[in-house]
Amino acid sequence: MNTWVVGNHPVAYYDYTYRKPQIRDLTYHQPPEGQVLTNTFKQEELGEKVFFMKARIMAGQADVSKSIYGHQAFQWLTKSEIQPLVTNKYWSSVRHMLTER
């Protein structure tokens, strides 16, 4: 899918605090001369913040069969179809950035 991101800043964000801190394994690659070093460490996370960017689809269709993240499903949804699928807190955070049509 060929997309174009409109602007340099998010149109909205969703902030979520975990009930209890989560420990996540983080891996980063540091390429020194001639070889790649991989380091893994643990990090405590207290929550997450998801940023939403406005984008336009220029051409193509979404193809999740090639997803490097292992996603298996994809849906195009209208604003009214999203509300019953998400929590009330999430819906109140994102409903104003979605268009009515």
Protein backbone atom coordinates (compact mmCIF):
# COMPACT_ATOMS: atom_id res chain seq x y z
CA MET A 1 0.00 0.00 0.00
CA ASN A 2 1.36 3.39 -0.97
CA THR A 3 0.58 6.03 1.69
CA TRP A 4 1.44 9.64 2.37
CA VAL A 5 1.58 10.99 5.96
CA VAL A 6 0.02 14.45 6.23
CA GLY A 7 2.07 16.77 8.45
CA ASN A 8 4.84 16.23 10.96
CA HIS A 9 2.85 15.86 14.17
CA PRO A 10 0.16 13.50 15.43
CA VAL A 11 -3.53 14.38 15.23
CA ALA A 12 -4.23 12.65 18.56
CA TYR A 13 -2.81 10.25 21.11
CA TYR A 14 -4.06 7.61 23.53
CA ASP A 15 -2.42 7.38 26.95
CA TYR A 16 -2.79 4.16 28.95
CA THR A 17 -1.38 3.31 32.40
CA TYR A 18 -0.91 -0.38 33.20
CA ARG A 19 -2.51 -1.75 36.38
CA LYS A 20 0.88 -3.13 37.38
CA PRO A 21 4.29 -2.47 35.80
CA GLN A 22 5.24 -4.75 32.92
CA ILE A 23 8.73 -6.12 32.33
CA ARG A 24 9.68 -6.18 28.65
CA ASP A 25 12.76 -7.64 26.99
CA LEU A 26 14.26 -5.10 24.61
CA THR A 27 16.80 -6.01 21.95
CA TYR A 28 18.91 -3.56 20.04
CA HIS A 29 21.57 -4.02 17.40
CA GLN A 30 24.81 -2.07 17.47
CA PRO A 31 26.85 -2.44 14.29
CA PRO A 32 30.55 -2.05 15.14
CA GLU A 33 33.20 -2.42 12.47
CA GLY A 34 32.74 -5.65 10.54
CA GLN A 35 30.16 -7.35 12.81
CA VAL A 36 26.73 -6.82 14.38
CA LEU A 37 26.42 -6.91 18.17
CA THR A 38 23.00 -7.75 19.62
CA ASN A 39 22.25 -6.69 23.18
CA THR A 40 19.15 -7.57 25.21
CA PHE A 41 18.04 -5.97 28.46
CA LYS A 42 14.91 -5.80 30.61
CA GLN A 43 12.91 -2.61 31.05
CA GLU A 44 10.02 -1.87 33.40
CA GLU A 45 7.14 -0.14 31.65
CA LEU A 46 4.40 1.73 33.49
CA GLY A 47 2.15 2.41 30.50
CA GLU A 48 2.05 3.31 26.87
CA LYS A 49 1.19 6.24 24.64
CA VAL A 50 -0.08 5.60 21.11
CA PHE A 51 0.22 8.44 18.59
CA PHE A 52 -2.14 8.72 15.61
CA MET A 53 -0.88 10.25 12.38
CA LYS A 54 -3.15 11.46 9.60
CA ALA A 55 -2.34 9.70 6.33
CA ARG A 56 -3.78 9.31 2.85
CA ILE A 57 -3.81 6.11 0.82
CA MET A 58 -2.43 6.85 -2.63
CA ALA A 59 -2.71 3.35 -4.13
CA GLY A 60 -2.97 -0.33 -3.26
CA GLN A 61 -4.63 -2.43 -0.59
CA ALA A 62 -3.60 -3.62 2.86
CA ASP A 63 -1.91 -7.04 2.70
CA VAL A 64 -1.36 -8.56 6.15
CA SER A 65 -0.02 -11.83 4.73
CA LYS A 66 3.41 -10.14 4.48
CA SER A 67 3.30 -8.61 7.97
CA ILE A 68 6.61 -8.86 9.83
CA TYR A 69 4.64 -8.54 13.11
CA GLY A 70 2.54 -11.66 12.58
CA HIS A 71 -0.80 -9.89 12.10
CA GLN A 72 -3.47 -12.16 10.68
CA ALA A 73 -6.58 -9.97 10.40
CA PHE A 74 -7.44 -6.59 8.92
CA GLN A 75 -10.71 -4.64 8.74
CA TRP A 76 -11.79 -1.38 7.13
CA LEU A 77 -14.29 0.08 9.63
CA THR A 78 -16.49 3.15 9.74
CA LYS A 79 -16.63 5.31 12.85
CA SER A 80 -19.90 3.69 13.98
CA GLU A 81 -18.44 0.19 13.54
CA ILE A 82 -15.41 0.90 15.75
CA GLN A 83 -17.27 1.93 18.92
CA PRO A 84 -18.70 -1.51 19.88
CA LEU A 85 -15.28 -3.16 19.38
CA VAL A 86 -13.22 -0.99 21.77
CA THR A 87 -13.40 0.02 25.45
CA ASN A 88 -15.26 3.17 26.50
CA LYS A 89 -12.03 4.86 27.66
CA TYR A 90 -10.34 4.21 24.33
CA TRP A 91 -13.41 5.34 22.37
CA SER A 92 -13.62 8.63 24.27
CA SER A 93 -9.98 9.31 23.37
CA VAL A 94 -10.20 8.61 19.64
CA ARG A 95 -13.78 9.42 18.56
CA HIS A 96 -13.14 13.12 17.89
CA MET A 97 -10.38 12.49 15.37
CA LEU A 98 -12.49 10.19 13.19
CA THR A 99 -14.66 11.58 10.41
CA GLU A 100 -18.39 10.89 10.22
CA ARG A 101 -18.55 9.62 6.66
